[in-house]
Amino acid sequence: MIASRNKAIEKPPSGFGFQPEDSQHHFMVTIPRAKDGKILISEHHSWDDSDARRELSFALGREDDKLRVSLPRYKWGAIADAVGAEFNERLKQNGLKPSAWKQERVPISRLFGKELVLLAWAIEDADPALIPTAVKNWLGLAPEERWWLYTMTAAATGHALSGRNKGWRKAVRYALTENPVSESVDASSYEIRPYDLFTVNEEELKWSSKGRKEL
């Protein structure tokens, strides 16, 4: 049974950069088939290779305490292509398979997940007209800057519902929907630096920043 489970987990699921044999910490993007259904982004510290068990866990509401953000479909549609292109470029630069946003559930690596949730927080209560500005500002940040902002925000107001429109969450919205940073960002000017507030090893920093020069 254990051998079978280990064998199953060796095959990475379809998603953006999530490799459960390296780390089971990941985020999940749930895209319902219903046109009026909300897109949910949740954080998880374990991975179950059984589709049936994941479905049951979701149906029973066991993931609610890890739910980070809920977006209406039209707002998700306004950021999905830009985020997917950013993640895929970095995946390809590292020899990993690109992915796409499909219906149902899409797992993404924990670092990509932090970046995605940060942008989603910025637009969840924003005027839809400001979403392109938020995307430009988000793209102008180095990956480690996105991680830092995510970590600070998640610590105080990280729950999808109880943290909405409060404190750091509100500050992120104003920060990313204000005047956009320059569109011609020189990625070589970014210093790859770890932060004391959360653990990111040197390899993760190099991996996540690699390929930004071509963006």
N, C-alpha and C. Protein backbone atom coordinates (compact mmCIF):
# COMPACT_ATOMS: atom_id res chain seq x y z
N MET A 1 0.84 -1.20 0.00
CA MET A 1 0.00 0.00 0.00
C MET A 1 0.87 1.25 0.00
N ILE A 2 1.89 1.25 0.89
CA ILE A 2 2.80 2.40 0.96
C ILE A 2 3.58 2.53 -0.31
N ALA A 3 4.06 1.39 -0.84
CA ALA A 3 4.82 1.42 -2.08
C ALA A 3 3.98 1.95 -3.22
N SER A 4 2.71 1.54 -3.25
CA SER A 4 1.80 2.00 -4.30
C SER A 4 1.59 3.49 -4.20
N ARG A 5 1.44 4.00 -2.98
CA ARG A 5 1.22 5.43 -2.78
C ARG A 5 2.45 6.23 -3.21
N ASN A 6 3.65 5.75 -2.82
CA ASN A 6 4.88 6.43 -3.20
C ASN A 6 5.05 6.45 -4.71
N LYS A 7 4.69 5.35 -5.35
CA LYS A 7 4.80 5.28 -6.79
C LYS A 7 3.86 6.27 -7.45
N ALA A 8 2.66 6.42 -6.88
CA ALA A 8 1.69 7.34 -7.47
C ALA A 8 2.13 8.78 -7.33
N ILE A 9 2.80 9.09 -6.21
CA ILE A 9 3.16 10.47 -5.95
C ILE A 9 4.39 10.89 -6.75
N GLU A 10 5.11 9.93 -7.32
CA GLU A 10 6.28 10.25 -8.11
C GLU A 10 5.91 10.94 -9.41
N LYS A 11 4.70 10.74 -9.87
CA LYS A 11 4.24 11.36 -11.11
C LYS A 11 3.63 12.72 -10.80
N PRO A 12 4.29 13.80 -11.23
CA PRO A 12 3.78 15.13 -10.93
C PRO A 12 2.40 15.35 -11.56
N PRO A 13 1.48 15.95 -10.84
CA PRO A 13 0.17 16.21 -11.40
C PRO A 13 0.25 17.35 -12.42
N SER A 14 -0.78 17.49 -13.21
CA SER A 14 -0.82 18.58 -14.16
C SER A 14 -1.01 19.89 -13.41
N GLY A 15 -0.13 20.82 -13.62
CA GLY A 15 -0.23 22.10 -12.92
C GLY A 15 1.00 22.94 -13.18
N PHE A 16 1.10 24.05 -12.47
CA PHE A 16 2.21 24.98 -12.66
C PHE A 16 3.32 24.73 -11.65
N GLY A 17 4.32 23.96 -12.06
CA GLY A 17 5.53 23.80 -11.26
C GLY A 17 5.41 22.99 -9.99
N PHE A 18 4.28 22.35 -9.75
CA PHE A 18 4.11 21.58 -8.52
C PHE A 18 4.68 20.18 -8.70
N GLN A 19 5.66 19.84 -7.87
CA GLN A 19 6.30 18.53 -7.91
C GLN A 19 6.24 17.93 -6.50
N PRO A 20 5.20 17.15 -6.21
CA PRO A 20 4.96 16.67 -4.85
C PRO A 20 6.06 15.80 -4.29
N GLU A 21 6.89 15.19 -5.15
CA GLU A 21 7.99 14.40 -4.62
C GLU A 21 9.08 15.27 -4.01
N ASP A 22 9.09 16.56 -4.36
CA ASP A 22 10.05 17.49 -3.76
C ASP A 22 9.46 18.19 -2.55
N SER A 23 8.24 18.68 -2.68
CA SER A 23 7.55 19.33 -1.57
C SER A 23 6.05 19.23 -1.80
N GLN A 24 5.31 18.80 -0.78
CA GLN A 24 3.86 18.67 -0.93
C GLN A 24 3.13 19.98 -0.63
N HIS A 25 3.86 20.98 -0.17
CA HIS A 25 3.26 22.29 0.08
C HIS A 25 2.92 22.92 -1.27
N HIS A 26 1.66 23.25 -1.48
CA HIS A 26 1.22 23.78 -2.76
C HIS A 26 -0.04 24.62 -2.60
N PHE A 27 -0.44 25.25 -3.67
CA PHE A 27 -1.71 25.96 -3.73
C PHE A 27 -2.59 25.28 -4.77
N MET A 28 -3.89 25.42 -4.62
CA MET A 28 -4.82 24.83 -5.55
C MET A 28 -5.77 25.90 -6.07
N VAL A 29 -5.89 25.99 -7.39
CA VAL A 29 -6.84 26.90 -8.01
C VAL A 29 -8.04 26.08 -8.46
N THR A 30 -9.19 26.37 -7.91
CA THR A 30 -10.42 25.65 -8.24
C THR A 30 -11.24 26.51 -9.19
N ILE A 31 -11.45 25.99 -10.40
CA ILE A 31 -12.18 26.71 -11.44
C ILE A 31 -13.46 25.93 -11.75
N PRO A 32 -14.58 26.36 -11.21
CA PRO A 32 -15.83 25.61 -11.40
C PRO A 32 -16.33 25.67 -12.84
N ARG A 33 -17.08 24.67 -13.22
CA ARG A 33 -17.64 24.64 -14.57
C ARG A 33 -18.77 25.66 -14.73
N ALA A 34 -19.49 25.92 -13.65
CA ALA A 34 -20.59 26.88 -13.72
C ALA A 34 -20.06 28.28 -14.02
N LYS A 35 -20.69 28.96 -14.95
CA LYS A 35 -20.21 30.28 -15.38
C LYS A 35 -20.28 31.32 -14.27
N ASP A 36 -21.20 31.13 -13.33
CA ASP A 36 -21.31 32.08 -12.24
C ASP A 36 -20.56 31.62 -11.00
N GLY A 37 -19.84 30.52 -11.11
CA GLY A 37 -19.08 30.01 -9.96
C GLY A 37 -17.83 30.83 -9.70
N LYS A 38 -17.45 30.98 -8.44
CA LYS A 38 -16.27 31.75 -8.08
C LYS A 38 -15.01 30.90 -8.14
N ILE A 39 -13.92 31.53 -8.52
CA ILE A 39 -12.62 30.85 -8.54
C ILE A 39 -12.04 30.92 -7.14
N LEU A 40 -11.64 29.77 -6.61
CA LEU A 40 -11.11 29.68 -5.25
C LEU A 40 -9.62 29.32 -5.31
N ILE A 41 -8.82 29.99 -4.49
CA ILE A 41 -7.40 29.67 -4.40
C ILE A 41 -7.10 29.32 -2.95
N SER A 42 -6.63 28.11 -2.73
CA SER A 42 -6.39 27.63 -1.37
C SER A 42 -4.96 27.13 -1.22
N GLU A 43 -4.49 27.10 0.01
CA GLU A 43 -3.12 26.67 0.32
C GLU A 43 -3.16 25.35 1.07
N HIS A 44 -2.24 24.45 0.73
CA HIS A 44 -2.22 23.11 1.33
C HIS A 44 -0.79 22.67 1.64
N HIS A 45 -0.65 21.97 2.75
CA HIS A 45 0.67 21.51 3.16
C HIS A 45 0.87 20.01 2.94
N SER A 46 -0.11 19.37 2.34
CA SER A 46 0.02 17.95 2.01
C SER A 46 -0.69 17.70 0.69
N TRP A 47 -0.32 16.60 0.05
CA TRP A 47 -0.90 16.24 -1.24
C TRP A 47 -1.44 14.83 -1.19
N ASP A 48 -2.67 14.66 -1.58
CA ASP A 48 -3.26 13.33 -1.65
C ASP A 48 -3.38 12.95 -3.11
N ASP A 49 -2.74 11.84 -3.51
CA ASP A 49 -2.74 11.46 -4.92
C ASP A 49 -4.08 10.86 -5.37
N SER A 50 -5.01 10.68 -4.44
CA SER A 50 -6.31 10.13 -4.79
C SER A 50 -7.29 11.24 -5.16
N ASP A 51 -7.76 11.22 -6.40
CA ASP A 51 -8.74 12.22 -6.83
C ASP A 51 -10.01 12.13 -5.99
N ALA A 52 -10.41 10.93 -5.65
CA ALA A 52 -11.65 10.73 -4.89
C ALA A 52 -11.53 11.34 -3.50
N ARG A 53 -10.38 11.13 -2.83
CA ARG A 53 -10.20 11.69 -1.49
C ARG A 53 -10.12 13.21 -1.52
N ARG A 54 -9.49 13.77 -2.55
CA ARG A 54 -9.43 15.23 -2.67
C ARG A 54 -10.83 15.80 -2.88
N GLU A 55 -11.62 15.13 -3.70
CA GLU A 55 -12.99 15.57 -3.94
C GLU A 55 -13.80 15.54 -2.65
N LEU A 56 -13.64 14.47 -1.87
CA LEU A 56 -14.38 14.33 -0.61
C LEU A 56 -13.96 15.41 0.37
N SER A 57 -12.66 15.65 0.48
CA SER A 57 -12.16 16.68 1.39
C SER A 57 -12.73 18.04 1.03
N PHE A 58 -12.77 18.32 -0.25
CA PHE A 58 -13.31 19.61 -0.71
C PHE A 58 -14.80 19.70 -0.42
N ALA A 59 -15.54 18.61 -0.68
CA ALA A 59 -16.98 18.61 -0.47
C ALA A 59 -17.35 18.78 1.01
N LEU A 60 -16.50 18.25 1.90
CA LEU A 60 -16.77 18.33 3.34
C LEU A 60 -16.33 19.68 3.93
N GLY A 61 -15.72 20.51 3.11
CA GLY A 61 -15.32 21.83 3.60
C GLY A 61 -14.07 21.82 4.44
N ARG A 62 -13.26 20.78 4.34
CA ARG A 62 -12.06 20.70 5.18
C ARG A 62 -10.98 21.69 4.76
N GLU A 63 -11.15 22.30 3.60
CA GLU A 63 -10.13 23.20 3.11
C GLU A 63 -10.43 24.66 3.45
N ASP A 64 -11.53 24.91 4.13
CA ASP A 64 -11.96 26.28 4.34
C ASP A 64 -10.93 27.09 5.12
N ASP A 65 -10.26 26.47 6.10
CA ASP A 65 -9.31 27.23 6.91
C ASP A 65 -8.05 27.57 6.12
N LYS A 66 -7.89 26.98 4.92
CA LYS A 66 -6.73 27.26 4.08
C LYS A 66 -7.12 28.09 2.86
N LEU A 67 -8.39 28.44 2.77
CA LEU A 67 -8.83 29.23 1.63
C LEU A 67 -8.24 30.62 1.72
N ARG A 68 -7.55 31.05 0.65
CA ARG A 68 -6.87 32.34 0.68
C ARG A 68 -7.63 33.45 -0.03
N VAL A 69 -8.32 33.12 -1.10
CA VAL A 69 -9.03 34.17 -1.84
C VAL A 69 -10.10 33.56 -2.73
N SER A 70 -11.15 34.34 -2.94
CA SER A 70 -12.25 33.94 -3.82
C SER A 70 -12.48 35.08 -4.80
N LEU A 71 -12.47 34.77 -6.10
CA LEU A 71 -12.63 35.80 -7.13
C LEU A 71 -13.81 35.50 -8.04
N PRO A 72 -14.55 36.52 -8.42
CA PRO A 72 -15.58 36.31 -9.45
C PRO A 72 -14.89 35.97 -10.77
N ARG A 73 -15.56 35.24 -11.61
CA ARG A 73 -14.93 34.74 -12.83
C ARG A 73 -14.40 35.86 -13.73
N TYR A 74 -15.10 36.98 -13.80
CA TYR A 74 -14.65 38.03 -14.71
C TYR A 74 -13.34 38.66 -14.24
N LYS A 75 -13.13 38.70 -12.92
CA LYS A 75 -11.86 39.23 -12.43
C LYS A 75 -10.74 38.22 -12.64
N TRP A 76 -11.05 36.95 -12.44
CA TRP A 76 -10.07 35.92 -12.72
C TRP A 76 -9.66 35.96 -14.19
N GLY A 77 -10.64 36.12 -15.06
CA GLY A 77 -10.36 36.17 -16.48
C GLY A 77 -9.45 37.33 -16.87
N ALA A 78 -9.46 38.39 -16.07
CA ALA A 78 -8.65 39.57 -16.36
C ALA A 78 -7.18 39.39 -16.00
N ILE A 79 -6.87 38.37 -15.18
CA ILE A 79 -5.47 38.17 -14.78
C ILE A 79 -4.91 36.81 -15.21
N ALA A 80 -5.76 35.88 -15.57
CA ALA A 80 -5.32 34.50 -15.80
C ALA A 80 -4.26 34.38 -16.90
N ASP A 81 -4.45 35.05 -18.02
CA ASP A 81 -3.50 34.93 -19.12
C ASP A 81 -2.13 35.49 -18.76
N ALA A 82 -2.12 36.66 -18.12
CA ALA A 82 -0.84 37.29 -17.76
C ALA A 82 -0.08 36.45 -16.74
N VAL A 83 -0.80 35.93 -15.76
CA VAL A 83 -0.16 35.09 -14.73
C VAL A 83 0.36 33.80 -15.35
N GLY A 84 -0.46 33.16 -16.18
CA GLY A 84 -0.04 31.92 -16.82
C GLY A 84 1.20 32.13 -17.68
N ALA A 85 1.24 33.24 -18.43
CA ALA A 85 2.40 33.52 -19.27
C ALA A 85 3.66 33.74 -18.45
N GLU A 86 3.53 34.46 -17.33
CA GLU A 86 4.67 34.70 -16.44
C GLU A 86 5.20 33.38 -15.87
N PHE A 87 4.30 32.55 -15.37
CA PHE A 87 4.73 31.28 -14.78
C PHE A 87 5.33 30.34 -15.83
N ASN A 88 4.70 30.27 -16.99
CA ASN A 88 5.18 29.36 -18.03
C ASN A 88 6.56 29.76 -18.55
N GLU A 89 6.80 31.05 -18.65
CA GLU A 89 8.12 31.49 -19.11
C GLU A 89 9.21 31.02 -18.14
N ARG A 90 8.93 31.14 -16.85
CA ARG A 90 9.91 30.72 -15.85
C ARG A 90 10.05 29.19 -15.81
N LEU A 91 8.94 28.48 -16.02
CA LEU A 91 9.01 27.02 -16.09
C LEU A 91 9.87 26.58 -17.27
N LYS A 92 9.64 27.19 -18.43
CA LYS A 92 10.41 26.80 -19.62
C LYS A 92 11.88 27.12 -19.46
N GLN A 93 12.19 28.23 -18.83
CA GLN A 93 13.59 28.59 -18.60
C GLN A 93 14.31 27.58 -17.72
N ASN A 94 13.53 26.85 -16.95
CA ASN A 94 14.10 25.84 -16.05
C ASN A 94 13.87 24.42 -16.54
N GLY A 95 13.49 24.29 -17.81
CA GLY A 95 13.33 22.97 -18.39
C GLY A 95 12.13 22.21 -17.90
N LEU A 96 11.13 22.92 -17.40
CA LEU A 96 9.92 22.27 -16.90
C LEU A 96 8.75 22.51 -17.85
N LYS A 97 7.82 21.62 -17.82
CA LYS A 97 6.68 21.67 -18.74
C LYS A 97 5.75 22.82 -18.40
N PRO A 98 5.36 23.62 -19.40
CA PRO A 98 4.38 24.69 -19.16
C PRO A 98 3.00 24.09 -18.92
N SER A 99 2.09 24.91 -18.45
CA SER A 99 0.76 24.41 -18.12
C SER A 99 -0.29 25.42 -18.57
N ALA A 100 -1.52 25.17 -18.19
CA ALA A 100 -2.64 26.05 -18.55
C ALA A 100 -3.71 25.97 -17.47
N TRP A 101 -4.55 26.99 -17.41
CA TRP A 101 -5.65 27.00 -16.46
C TRP A 101 -6.80 26.20 -17.04
N LYS A 102 -7.08 25.07 -16.43
CA LYS A 102 -8.17 24.21 -16.88
C LYS A 102 -9.29 24.21 -15.86
N GLN A 103 -10.45 23.77 -16.26
CA GLN A 103 -11.56 23.69 -15.32
C GLN A 103 -11.29 22.65 -14.25
N GLU A 104 -11.98 22.79 -13.15
CA GLU A 104 -11.84 21.96 -11.96
C GLU A 104 -10.67 22.46 -11.11
N ARG A 105 -9.61 21.66 -10.91
CA ARG A 105 -8.56 22.05 -9.98
C ARG A 105 -7.17 22.00 -10.62
N VAL A 106 -6.42 23.08 -10.41
CA VAL A 106 -5.07 23.18 -10.96
C VAL A 106 -4.10 23.42 -9.81
N PRO A 107 -3.22 22.45 -9.50
CA PRO A 107 -2.23 22.66 -8.44
C PRO A 107 -1.08 23.52 -8.95
N ILE A 108 -0.55 24.36 -8.09
CA ILE A 108 0.61 25.16 -8.45
C ILE A 108 1.61 25.15 -7.30
N SER A 109 2.87 25.35 -7.62
CA SER A 109 3.92 25.31 -6.61
C SER A 109 3.66 26.37 -5.54
N ARG A 110 4.21 26.16 -4.37
CA ARG A 110 3.95 27.07 -3.26
C ARG A 110 4.43 28.49 -3.55
N LEU A 111 5.55 28.64 -4.27
CA LEU A 111 6.05 29.98 -4.56
C LEU A 111 5.18 30.68 -5.59
N PHE A 112 4.81 29.96 -6.64
CA PHE A 112 3.87 30.53 -7.61
C PHE A 112 2.55 30.86 -6.93
N GLY A 113 2.13 30.00 -6.02
CA GLY A 113 0.87 30.23 -5.32
C GLY A 113 0.87 31.52 -4.53
N LYS A 114 1.98 31.81 -3.87
CA LYS A 114 2.08 33.05 -3.10
C LYS A 114 1.97 34.26 -4.03
N GLU A 115 2.59 34.17 -5.17
CA GLU A 115 2.57 35.28 -6.12
C GLU A 115 1.17 35.49 -6.69
N LEU A 116 0.51 34.40 -7.04
CA LEU A 116 -0.85 34.48 -7.58
C LEU A 116 -1.82 35.07 -6.56
N VAL A 117 -1.75 34.58 -5.33
CA VAL A 117 -2.67 35.06 -4.30
C VAL A 117 -2.46 36.55 -4.04
N LEU A 118 -1.21 37.00 -4.05
CA LEU A 118 -0.93 38.42 -3.85
C LEU A 118 -1.68 39.27 -4.89
N LEU A 119 -1.60 38.88 -6.15
CA LEU A 119 -2.30 39.63 -7.20
C LEU A 119 -3.82 39.53 -7.02
N ALA A 120 -4.29 38.35 -6.66
CA ALA A 120 -5.74 38.18 -6.46
C ALA A 120 -6.23 39.05 -5.31
N TRP A 121 -5.45 39.16 -4.24
CA TRP A 121 -5.82 40.04 -3.13
C TRP A 121 -5.91 41.49 -3.59
N ALA A 122 -5.01 41.87 -4.49
CA ALA A 122 -4.98 43.26 -4.95
C ALA A 122 -6.22 43.64 -5.74
N ILE A 123 -6.83 42.67 -6.42
CA ILE A 123 -7.96 43.00 -7.30
C ILE A 123 -9.32 42.57 -6.76
N GLU A 124 -9.36 41.81 -5.68
CA GLU A 124 -10.63 41.24 -5.23
C GLU A 124 -11.68 42.32 -4.95
N ASP A 125 -11.27 43.47 -4.40
CA ASP A 125 -12.22 44.55 -4.11
C ASP A 125 -11.92 45.81 -4.92
N ALA A 126 -11.10 45.67 -5.95
CA ALA A 126 -10.71 46.82 -6.75
C ALA A 126 -11.69 47.07 -7.89
N ASP A 127 -11.73 48.30 -8.36
CA ASP A 127 -12.49 48.64 -9.55
C ASP A 127 -11.91 47.82 -10.71
N PRO A 128 -12.76 47.13 -11.48
CA PRO A 128 -12.25 46.33 -12.60
C PRO A 128 -11.38 47.12 -13.57
N ALA A 129 -11.62 48.43 -13.68
CA ALA A 129 -10.82 49.26 -14.58
C ALA A 129 -9.37 49.36 -14.12
N LEU A 130 -9.10 49.06 -12.85
CA LEU A 130 -7.75 49.16 -12.31
C LEU A 130 -6.97 47.85 -12.39
N ILE A 131 -7.62 46.79 -12.84
CA ILE A 131 -6.94 45.50 -12.89
C ILE A 131 -5.72 45.51 -13.81
N PRO A 132 -5.76 46.11 -15.00
CA PRO A 132 -4.55 46.15 -15.83
C PRO A 132 -3.38 46.83 -15.14
N THR A 133 -3.66 47.86 -14.33
CA THR A 133 -2.61 48.54 -13.57
C THR A 133 -2.03 47.60 -12.52
N ALA A 134 -2.90 46.85 -11.85
CA ALA A 134 -2.43 45.90 -10.85
C ALA A 134 -1.53 44.84 -11.47
N VAL A 135 -1.92 44.35 -12.65
CA VAL A 135 -1.10 43.34 -13.34
C VAL A 135 0.27 43.91 -13.70
N LYS A 136 0.32 45.14 -14.20
CA LYS A 136 1.60 45.76 -14.55
C LYS A 136 2.49 45.92 -13.34
N ASN A 137 1.90 46.38 -12.23
CA ASN A 137 2.69 46.54 -11.00
C ASN A 137 3.18 45.19 -10.50
N TRP A 138 2.33 44.20 -10.57
CA TRP A 138 2.70 42.84 -10.12
C TRP A 138 3.84 42.30 -10.97
N LEU A 139 3.76 42.47 -12.28
CA LEU A 139 4.83 42.00 -13.17
C LEU A 139 6.13 42.76 -12.92
N GLY A 140 6.02 43.99 -12.45
CA GLY A 140 7.21 44.79 -12.18
C GLY A 140 7.94 44.41 -10.91
N LEU A 141 7.31 43.61 -10.06
CA LEU A 141 7.96 43.16 -8.83
C LEU A 141 8.82 41.93 -9.08
N ALA A 142 9.94 41.83 -8.39
CA ALA A 142 10.73 40.61 -8.42
C ALA A 142 9.97 39.52 -7.67
N PRO A 143 10.17 38.25 -8.02
CA PRO A 143 9.46 37.18 -7.32
C PRO A 143 9.60 37.24 -5.81
N GLU A 144 10.82 37.49 -5.33
CA GLU A 144 11.01 37.49 -3.88
C GLU A 144 10.29 38.66 -3.21
N GLU A 145 10.06 39.74 -3.96
CA GLU A 145 9.27 40.84 -3.42
C GLU A 145 7.81 40.43 -3.29
N ARG A 146 7.33 39.67 -4.23
CA ARG A 146 5.95 39.16 -4.14
C ARG A 146 5.81 38.21 -2.95
N TRP A 147 6.82 37.35 -2.74
CA TRP A 147 6.76 36.41 -1.61
C TRP A 147 6.70 37.16 -0.29
N TRP A 148 7.55 38.18 -0.19
CA TRP A 148 7.60 38.97 1.05
C TRP A 148 6.27 39.62 1.34
N LEU A 149 5.67 40.25 0.32
CA LEU A 149 4.38 40.89 0.50
C LEU A 149 3.30 39.88 0.86
N TYR A 150 3.35 38.71 0.22
CA TYR A 150 2.38 37.67 0.54
C TYR A 150 2.51 37.27 2.01
N THR A 151 3.74 37.02 2.45
CA THR A 151 3.96 36.53 3.80
C THR A 151 3.50 37.54 4.86
N MET A 152 3.81 38.81 4.64
CA MET A 152 3.38 39.84 5.57
C MET A 152 1.84 39.92 5.61
N THR A 153 1.22 39.83 4.47
CA THR A 153 -0.24 39.94 4.40
C THR A 153 -0.92 38.71 4.97
N ALA A 154 -0.41 37.53 4.61
CA ALA A 154 -1.02 36.28 5.07
C ALA A 154 -0.96 36.15 6.59
N ALA A 155 0.10 36.66 7.19
CA ALA A 155 0.26 36.54 8.64
C ALA A 155 -0.84 37.27 9.40
N ALA A 156 -1.33 38.37 8.83
CA ALA A 156 -2.31 39.18 9.54
C ALA A 156 -3.72 39.04 8.99
N THR A 157 -3.84 38.96 7.68
CA THR A 157 -5.18 38.97 7.06
C THR A 157 -5.25 37.97 5.91
N GLY A 158 -4.77 36.75 6.16
CA GLY A 158 -4.63 35.78 5.09
C GLY A 158 -5.85 34.96 4.72
N HIS A 159 -6.88 34.94 5.57
CA HIS A 159 -8.04 34.12 5.25
C HIS A 159 -8.91 34.81 4.21
N ALA A 160 -9.47 34.02 3.30
CA ALA A 160 -10.24 34.57 2.19
C ALA A 160 -11.36 35.49 2.63
N LEU A 161 -12.06 35.11 3.71
CA LEU A 161 -13.24 35.87 4.12
C LEU A 161 -12.96 36.81 5.29
N SER A 162 -12.41 36.29 6.37
CA SER A 162 -12.22 37.11 7.57
C SER A 162 -11.14 38.17 7.40
N GLY A 163 -10.22 37.97 6.44
CA GLY A 163 -9.16 38.96 6.26
C GLY A 163 -9.43 39.97 5.16
N ARG A 164 -10.55 39.84 4.51
CA ARG A 164 -10.83 40.66 3.33
C ARG A 164 -10.98 42.15 3.67
N ASN A 165 -10.35 42.98 2.85
CA ASN A 165 -10.47 44.44 2.94
C ASN A 165 -10.01 44.98 4.29
N LYS A 166 -8.99 44.36 4.88
CA LYS A 166 -8.46 44.79 6.17
C LYS A 166 -6.94 44.93 6.11
N GLY A 167 -6.41 45.83 6.90
CA GLY A 167 -4.98 45.92 7.13
C GLY A 167 -4.10 45.77 5.90
N TRP A 168 -3.19 44.79 5.97
CA TRP A 168 -2.25 44.55 4.87
C TRP A 168 -2.97 44.23 3.57
N ARG A 169 -4.10 43.57 3.69
CA ARG A 169 -4.86 43.18 2.49
C ARG A 169 -5.30 44.43 1.74
N LYS A 170 -5.80 45.41 2.47
CA LYS A 170 -6.22 46.66 1.85
C LYS A 170 -5.01 47.43 1.32
N ALA A 171 -3.91 47.40 2.06
CA ALA A 171 -2.70 48.10 1.63
C ALA A 171 -2.16 47.53 0.32
N VAL A 172 -2.23 46.21 0.17
CA VAL A 172 -1.78 45.57 -1.07
C VAL A 172 -2.62 46.05 -2.25
N ARG A 173 -3.92 46.17 -2.03
CA ARG A 173 -4.79 46.65 -3.11
C ARG A 173 -4.38 48.05 -3.57
N TYR A 174 -4.18 48.95 -2.62
CA TYR A 174 -3.80 50.30 -2.98
C TYR A 174 -2.42 50.34 -3.64
N ALA A 175 -1.50 49.53 -3.12
CA ALA A 175 -0.13 49.53 -3.66
C ALA A 175 -0.07 49.07 -5.10
N LEU A 176 -0.83 48.03 -5.44
CA LEU A 176 -0.74 47.47 -6.78
C LEU A 176 -1.70 48.10 -7.79
N THR A 177 -2.65 48.90 -7.31
CA THR A 177 -3.56 49.54 -8.26
C THR A 177 -3.23 51.02 -8.44
N GLU A 178 -2.14 51.48 -7.82
CA GLU A 178 -1.69 52.86 -8.02
C GLU A 178 -0.92 52.94 -9.33
N ASN A 179 -0.20 54.05 -9.55
CA ASN A 179 0.54 54.24 -10.79
C ASN A 179 1.43 53.04 -11.09
N PRO A 180 1.37 52.54 -12.33
CA PRO A 180 2.17 51.35 -12.67
C PRO A 180 3.65 51.64 -12.71
N VAL A 181 4.44 50.62 -12.38
CA VAL A 181 5.88 50.74 -12.50
C VAL A 181 6.23 50.70 -13.98
N SER A 182 7.48 51.02 -14.30
CA SER A 182 7.91 51.03 -15.69
C SER A 182 7.72 49.67 -16.31
N GLU A 183 7.23 49.65 -17.55
CA GLU A 183 7.01 48.39 -18.24
C GLU A 183 8.31 47.79 -18.74
N SER A 184 9.37 48.60 -18.78
CA SER A 184 10.67 48.10 -19.24
C SER A 184 11.57 47.82 -18.05
N VAL A 185 11.15 46.92 -17.20
CA VAL A 185 11.90 46.59 -16.00
C VAL A 185 13.13 45.77 -16.36
N ASP A 186 14.28 46.19 -15.85
CA ASP A 186 15.53 45.46 -16.07
C ASP A 186 15.69 44.44 -14.96
N ALA A 187 15.43 43.20 -15.26
CA ALA A 187 15.48 42.15 -14.23
C ALA A 187 16.87 41.98 -13.65
N SER A 188 17.91 42.34 -14.41
CA SER A 188 19.27 42.17 -13.92
C SER A 188 19.57 43.09 -12.76
N SER A 189 18.71 44.11 -12.57
CA SER A 189 18.95 45.05 -11.47
C SER A 189 18.45 44.52 -10.14
N TYR A 190 17.68 43.43 -10.18
CA TYR A 190 17.17 42.88 -8.94
C TYR A 190 18.25 42.10 -8.21
N GLU A 191 18.34 42.35 -6.91
CA GLU A 191 19.25 41.57 -6.08
C GLU A 191 18.48 40.40 -5.49
N ILE A 192 18.97 39.20 -5.72
CA ILE A 192 18.30 38.03 -5.18
C ILE A 192 18.68 37.92 -3.72
N ARG A 193 17.73 38.15 -2.84
CA ARG A 193 18.05 38.22 -1.42
C ARG A 193 17.02 37.46 -0.60
N PRO A 194 17.45 36.66 0.37
CA PRO A 194 16.50 36.00 1.26
C PRO A 194 16.02 36.98 2.33
N TYR A 195 14.83 36.73 2.85
CA TYR A 195 14.30 37.57 3.91
C TYR A 195 14.23 36.78 5.21
N ASP A 196 14.35 37.50 6.31
CA ASP A 196 14.32 36.86 7.62
C ASP A 196 12.92 36.40 7.99
N LEU A 197 11.89 36.96 7.35
CA LEU A 197 10.53 36.71 7.77
C LEU A 197 9.98 35.37 7.31
N PHE A 198 10.63 34.73 6.35
CA PHE A 198 10.21 33.41 5.93
C PHE A 198 11.37 32.70 5.28
N THR A 199 11.29 31.39 5.24
CA THR A 199 12.40 30.58 4.77
C THR A 199 12.30 30.29 3.28
N VAL A 200 13.26 30.79 2.55
CA VAL A 200 13.40 30.49 1.13
C VAL A 200 14.87 30.21 0.90
N ASN A 201 15.20 29.00 0.45
CA ASN A 201 16.62 28.71 0.29
C ASN A 201 17.17 29.30 -1.01
N GLU A 202 18.48 29.28 -1.15
CA GLU A 202 19.15 29.92 -2.27
C GLU A 202 18.69 29.35 -3.61
N GLU A 203 18.51 28.03 -3.67
CA GLU A 203 18.10 27.41 -4.92
C GLU A 203 16.71 27.88 -5.34
N GLU A 204 15.81 28.05 -4.37
CA GLU A 204 14.46 28.51 -4.68
C GLU A 204 14.50 29.94 -5.23
N LEU A 205 15.36 30.76 -4.66
CA LEU A 205 15.48 32.13 -5.13
C LEU A 205 15.99 32.18 -6.55
N LYS A 206 17.03 31.40 -6.85
CA LYS A 206 17.58 31.36 -8.20
C LYS A 206 16.55 30.81 -9.18
N TRP A 207 15.89 29.72 -8.80
CA TRP A 207 14.91 29.07 -9.68
C TRP A 207 13.78 30.01 -10.03
N SER A 208 13.25 30.74 -9.03
CA SER A 208 12.07 31.54 -9.24
C SER A 208 12.34 32.84 -9.98
N SER A 209 13.58 33.31 -9.96
CA SER A 209 13.91 34.55 -10.64
C SER A 209 14.44 34.31 -12.04
N LYS A 210 14.93 33.12 -12.30
CA LYS A 210 15.54 32.82 -13.58
C LYS A 210 14.52 33.00 -14.71
N GLY A 211 14.98 33.65 -15.77
CA GLY A 211 14.12 33.80 -16.94
C GLY A 211 13.38 35.12 -17.00
N ARG A 212 13.49 35.99 -15.97
CA ARG A 212 12.76 37.25 -16.01
C ARG A 212 13.35 38.22 -17.03
N LYS A 213 14.60 38.03 -17.43
CA LYS A 213 15.20 38.94 -18.41
C LYS A 213 14.47 38.87 -19.75
N GLU A 214 13.89 37.72 -20.02
CA GLU A 214 13.23 37.54 -21.32
C GLU A 214 11.77 37.99 -21.28
N LEU A 215 11.24 38.33 -20.11
CA LEU A 215 9.83 38.67 -20.00
C LEU A 215 9.58 40.08 -20.52
